[in-house]
N, C-alpha and C. Protein backbone atom coordinates (compact mmCIF):
# COMPACT_ATOMS: atom_id res chain seq x y z
N MET A 1 0.83 -1.20 0.00
CA MET A 1 0.00 0.00 0.00
C MET A 1 0.87 1.26 0.00
N HIS A 2 1.99 1.19 0.70
CA HIS A 2 2.89 2.34 0.78
C HIS A 2 3.41 2.71 -0.62
N LYS A 3 3.72 1.70 -1.44
CA LYS A 3 4.23 1.97 -2.78
C LYS A 3 3.16 2.59 -3.68
N LYS A 4 1.91 2.20 -3.51
CA LYS A 4 0.82 2.78 -4.31
C LYS A 4 0.62 4.25 -3.96
N ILE A 5 0.66 4.57 -2.68
CA ILE A 5 0.50 5.97 -2.25
C ILE A 5 1.66 6.80 -2.76
N PHE A 6 2.87 6.26 -2.66
CA PHE A 6 4.04 6.97 -3.17
C PHE A 6 3.92 7.20 -4.68
N GLY A 7 3.46 6.20 -5.41
CA GLY A 7 3.31 6.33 -6.85
C GLY A 7 2.28 7.38 -7.24
N VAL A 8 1.17 7.42 -6.53
CA VAL A 8 0.13 8.41 -6.81
C VAL A 8 0.62 9.81 -6.49
N MET A 9 1.27 9.96 -5.35
CA MET A 9 1.79 11.28 -4.97
C MET A 9 2.87 11.75 -5.95
N TYR A 10 3.71 10.83 -6.39
CA TYR A 10 4.75 11.19 -7.35
C TYR A 10 4.13 11.62 -8.68
N ALA A 11 3.11 10.90 -9.13
CA ALA A 11 2.45 11.25 -10.38
C ALA A 11 1.78 12.61 -10.28
N LEU A 12 1.11 12.89 -9.17
CA LEU A 12 0.48 14.20 -8.99
C LEU A 12 1.52 15.31 -8.97
N ASN A 13 2.66 15.04 -8.34
CA ASN A 13 3.73 16.03 -8.30
C ASN A 13 4.25 16.32 -9.70
N VAL A 14 4.49 15.29 -10.49
CA VAL A 14 5.01 15.47 -11.84
C VAL A 14 4.01 16.21 -12.71
N ILE A 15 2.74 15.87 -12.61
CA ILE A 15 1.71 16.53 -13.42
C ILE A 15 1.59 18.00 -13.05
N SER A 16 1.57 18.30 -11.76
CA SER A 16 1.42 19.71 -11.36
C SER A 16 2.66 20.53 -11.73
N GLN A 17 3.84 19.97 -11.56
CA GLN A 17 5.05 20.71 -11.94
C GLN A 17 5.14 20.89 -13.45
N ALA A 18 4.70 19.90 -14.21
CA ALA A 18 4.72 20.03 -15.67
C ALA A 18 3.75 21.12 -16.12
N ALA A 19 2.57 21.18 -15.49
CA ALA A 19 1.61 22.22 -15.84
C ALA A 19 2.14 23.61 -15.48
N ILE A 20 2.77 23.72 -14.34
CA ILE A 20 3.33 25.01 -13.94
C ILE A 20 4.46 25.42 -14.88
N SER A 21 5.32 24.47 -15.25
CA SER A 21 6.43 24.81 -16.15
C SER A 21 5.93 25.13 -17.55
N LEU A 22 4.75 24.67 -17.92
CA LEU A 22 4.17 25.00 -19.22
C LEU A 22 3.53 26.38 -19.20
N LEU A 23 2.83 26.71 -18.14
CA LEU A 23 2.04 27.94 -18.10
C LEU A 23 2.84 29.17 -17.68
N THR A 24 3.85 29.01 -16.86
CA THR A 24 4.58 30.16 -16.34
C THR A 24 5.25 31.01 -17.42
N PRO A 25 5.98 30.43 -18.37
CA PRO A 25 6.59 31.29 -19.40
C PRO A 25 5.56 32.04 -20.25
N ALA A 26 4.44 31.41 -20.56
CA ALA A 26 3.40 32.10 -21.32
C ALA A 26 2.82 33.26 -20.52
N ALA A 27 2.60 33.04 -19.23
CA ALA A 27 2.09 34.12 -18.37
C ALA A 27 3.11 35.25 -18.25
N LEU A 28 4.38 34.90 -18.16
CA LEU A 28 5.41 35.94 -18.11
C LEU A 28 5.47 36.72 -19.41
N GLY A 29 5.33 36.03 -20.54
CA GLY A 29 5.30 36.73 -21.82
C GLY A 29 4.14 37.68 -21.91
N PHE A 30 2.97 37.25 -21.44
CA PHE A 30 1.80 38.13 -21.43
C PHE A 30 2.03 39.32 -20.50
N GLY A 31 2.58 39.06 -19.32
CA GLY A 31 2.82 40.14 -18.36
C GLY A 31 3.82 41.16 -18.87
N ILE A 32 4.89 40.69 -19.47
CA ILE A 32 5.87 41.62 -20.02
C ILE A 32 5.27 42.42 -21.17
N ALA A 33 4.50 41.77 -22.03
CA ALA A 33 3.85 42.48 -23.13
C ALA A 33 2.88 43.53 -22.60
N TRP A 34 2.13 43.18 -21.57
CA TRP A 34 1.17 44.13 -20.99
C TRP A 34 1.91 45.34 -20.42
N LEU A 35 3.01 45.09 -19.71
CA LEU A 35 3.80 46.19 -19.15
C LEU A 35 4.37 47.08 -20.26
N LEU A 36 4.86 46.48 -21.33
CA LEU A 36 5.41 47.26 -22.43
C LEU A 36 4.34 48.11 -23.11
N VAL A 37 3.15 47.55 -23.28
CA VAL A 37 2.07 48.31 -23.92
C VAL A 37 1.60 49.42 -23.00
N ARG A 38 1.43 49.11 -21.74
CA ARG A 38 0.83 50.09 -20.81
C ARG A 38 1.79 51.21 -20.43
N TYR A 39 3.03 50.89 -20.11
CA TYR A 39 3.93 51.89 -19.55
C TYR A 39 4.97 52.43 -20.54
N VAL A 40 5.35 51.64 -21.51
CA VAL A 40 6.36 52.10 -22.45
C VAL A 40 5.73 52.66 -23.72
N GLY A 41 4.55 52.19 -24.04
CA GLY A 41 3.85 52.68 -25.22
C GLY A 41 4.13 51.88 -26.48
N VAL A 42 4.59 50.66 -26.33
CA VAL A 42 4.82 49.80 -27.49
C VAL A 42 3.46 49.42 -28.07
N ALA A 43 3.41 49.22 -29.38
CA ALA A 43 2.15 48.84 -30.03
C ALA A 43 1.70 47.45 -29.54
N GLU A 44 0.43 47.18 -29.70
CA GLU A 44 -0.15 45.94 -29.18
C GLU A 44 0.28 44.69 -29.94
N TRP A 45 0.98 44.83 -31.05
CA TRP A 45 1.47 43.66 -31.77
C TRP A 45 2.49 42.88 -30.94
N ILE A 46 3.02 43.50 -29.91
CA ILE A 46 4.02 42.83 -29.07
C ILE A 46 3.42 41.59 -28.39
N TYR A 47 2.09 41.61 -28.17
CA TYR A 47 1.42 40.41 -27.63
C TYR A 47 1.62 39.22 -28.58
N ALA A 48 1.50 39.48 -29.87
CA ALA A 48 1.61 38.42 -30.87
C ALA A 48 3.03 37.88 -30.96
N VAL A 49 3.98 38.59 -30.44
CA VAL A 49 5.37 38.13 -30.45
C VAL A 49 5.73 37.41 -29.16
N LEU A 50 5.43 38.04 -28.04
CA LEU A 50 5.90 37.52 -26.75
C LEU A 50 5.11 36.31 -26.24
N ILE A 51 3.81 36.26 -26.49
CA ILE A 51 3.03 35.12 -25.99
C ILE A 51 3.42 33.82 -26.70
N PRO A 52 3.53 33.79 -28.04
CA PRO A 52 4.00 32.54 -28.66
C PRO A 52 5.41 32.14 -28.23
N ILE A 53 6.29 33.11 -28.04
CA ILE A 53 7.63 32.79 -27.53
C ILE A 53 7.51 32.15 -26.15
N GLY A 54 6.64 32.68 -25.31
CA GLY A 54 6.44 32.10 -23.98
C GLY A 54 5.87 30.70 -24.04
N VAL A 55 4.95 30.46 -24.98
CA VAL A 55 4.36 29.12 -25.11
C VAL A 55 5.42 28.12 -25.57
N VAL A 56 6.24 28.50 -26.54
CA VAL A 56 7.29 27.61 -27.02
C VAL A 56 8.30 27.33 -25.90
N CYS A 57 8.69 28.35 -25.18
CA CYS A 57 9.61 28.15 -24.05
C CYS A 57 8.98 27.26 -22.98
N GLY A 58 7.67 27.40 -22.77
CA GLY A 58 6.98 26.56 -21.81
C GLY A 58 6.99 25.10 -22.23
N PHE A 59 6.76 24.82 -23.52
CA PHE A 59 6.80 23.44 -24.00
C PHE A 59 8.20 22.85 -23.84
N ILE A 60 9.21 23.63 -24.17
CA ILE A 60 10.58 23.14 -24.01
C ILE A 60 10.88 22.85 -22.55
N SER A 61 10.48 23.75 -21.67
CA SER A 61 10.70 23.56 -20.24
C SER A 61 9.96 22.34 -19.72
N MET A 62 8.72 22.16 -20.17
CA MET A 62 7.93 21.02 -19.72
C MET A 62 8.55 19.71 -20.20
N ILE A 63 8.99 19.67 -21.44
CA ILE A 63 9.59 18.45 -21.97
C ILE A 63 10.86 18.11 -21.20
N LYS A 64 11.70 19.11 -20.94
CA LYS A 64 12.92 18.87 -20.16
C LYS A 64 12.59 18.34 -18.78
N PHE A 65 11.56 18.91 -18.14
CA PHE A 65 11.20 18.46 -16.80
C PHE A 65 10.69 17.03 -16.82
N VAL A 66 9.81 16.70 -17.76
CA VAL A 66 9.23 15.36 -17.80
C VAL A 66 10.32 14.32 -18.09
N VAL A 67 11.25 14.64 -18.97
CA VAL A 67 12.35 13.71 -19.25
C VAL A 67 13.21 13.50 -18.01
N SER A 68 13.55 14.58 -17.32
CA SER A 68 14.38 14.43 -16.12
C SER A 68 13.63 13.69 -15.02
N ALA A 69 12.33 13.92 -14.90
CA ALA A 69 11.55 13.21 -13.88
C ALA A 69 11.46 11.72 -14.20
N SER A 70 11.35 11.38 -15.49
CA SER A 70 11.29 9.96 -15.83
C SER A 70 12.62 9.28 -15.57
N HIS A 71 13.73 9.98 -15.84
CA HIS A 71 15.04 9.41 -15.53
C HIS A 71 15.21 9.22 -14.02
N ALA A 72 14.75 10.17 -13.25
CA ALA A 72 14.84 10.06 -11.79
C ALA A 72 14.01 8.89 -11.29
N LEU A 73 12.83 8.69 -11.86
CA LEU A 73 11.99 7.57 -11.46
C LEU A 73 12.64 6.24 -11.83
N GLU A 74 13.26 6.18 -12.99
CA GLU A 74 13.96 4.95 -13.38
C GLU A 74 15.11 4.64 -12.43
N ARG A 75 15.88 5.67 -12.04
CA ARG A 75 16.96 5.46 -11.09
C ARG A 75 16.43 4.97 -9.75
N LEU A 76 15.32 5.55 -9.30
CA LEU A 76 14.72 5.15 -8.03
C LEU A 76 14.24 3.71 -8.08
N GLU A 77 13.59 3.34 -9.18
CA GLU A 77 13.14 1.95 -9.32
C GLU A 77 14.30 0.98 -9.37
N LYS A 78 15.38 1.37 -10.03
CA LYS A 78 16.56 0.51 -10.09
C LYS A 78 17.18 0.34 -8.71
N GLN A 79 17.24 1.41 -7.93
CA GLN A 79 17.77 1.30 -6.57
C GLN A 79 16.90 0.38 -5.72
N ASN A 80 15.59 0.46 -5.88
CA ASN A 80 14.69 -0.41 -5.12
C ASN A 80 14.86 -1.86 -5.53
N GLU A 81 15.09 -2.11 -6.81
CA GLU A 81 15.31 -3.49 -7.27
C GLU A 81 16.62 -4.04 -6.72
N ASP A 82 17.64 -3.18 -6.66
CA ASP A 82 18.94 -3.62 -6.15
C ASP A 82 18.86 -3.97 -4.67
N ARG A 83 18.02 -3.30 -3.95
CA ARG A 83 17.86 -3.57 -2.51
C ARG A 83 17.16 -4.90 -2.27
N ASN A 84 16.27 -5.27 -3.19
CA ASN A 84 15.50 -6.51 -3.00
C ASN A 84 16.22 -7.66 -3.55
């Protein structure tokens, strides 16, 4: 039962961190674009530039995180097999 709870908690952790790493760069791109439009006076086309850049950066960040998390899980499973 302990292993099932650990597995569920680990999966929830990976899913939530992947979602955060996907959404944060896009939100930052939107925030920076909003600040540039509001306070600097840049034209609103900057939204069309910064938000897609943020989305692409978010996908790259999410993929890197999921790959590293899967490698960490494989190492953990291998250590558990070695103990048994």
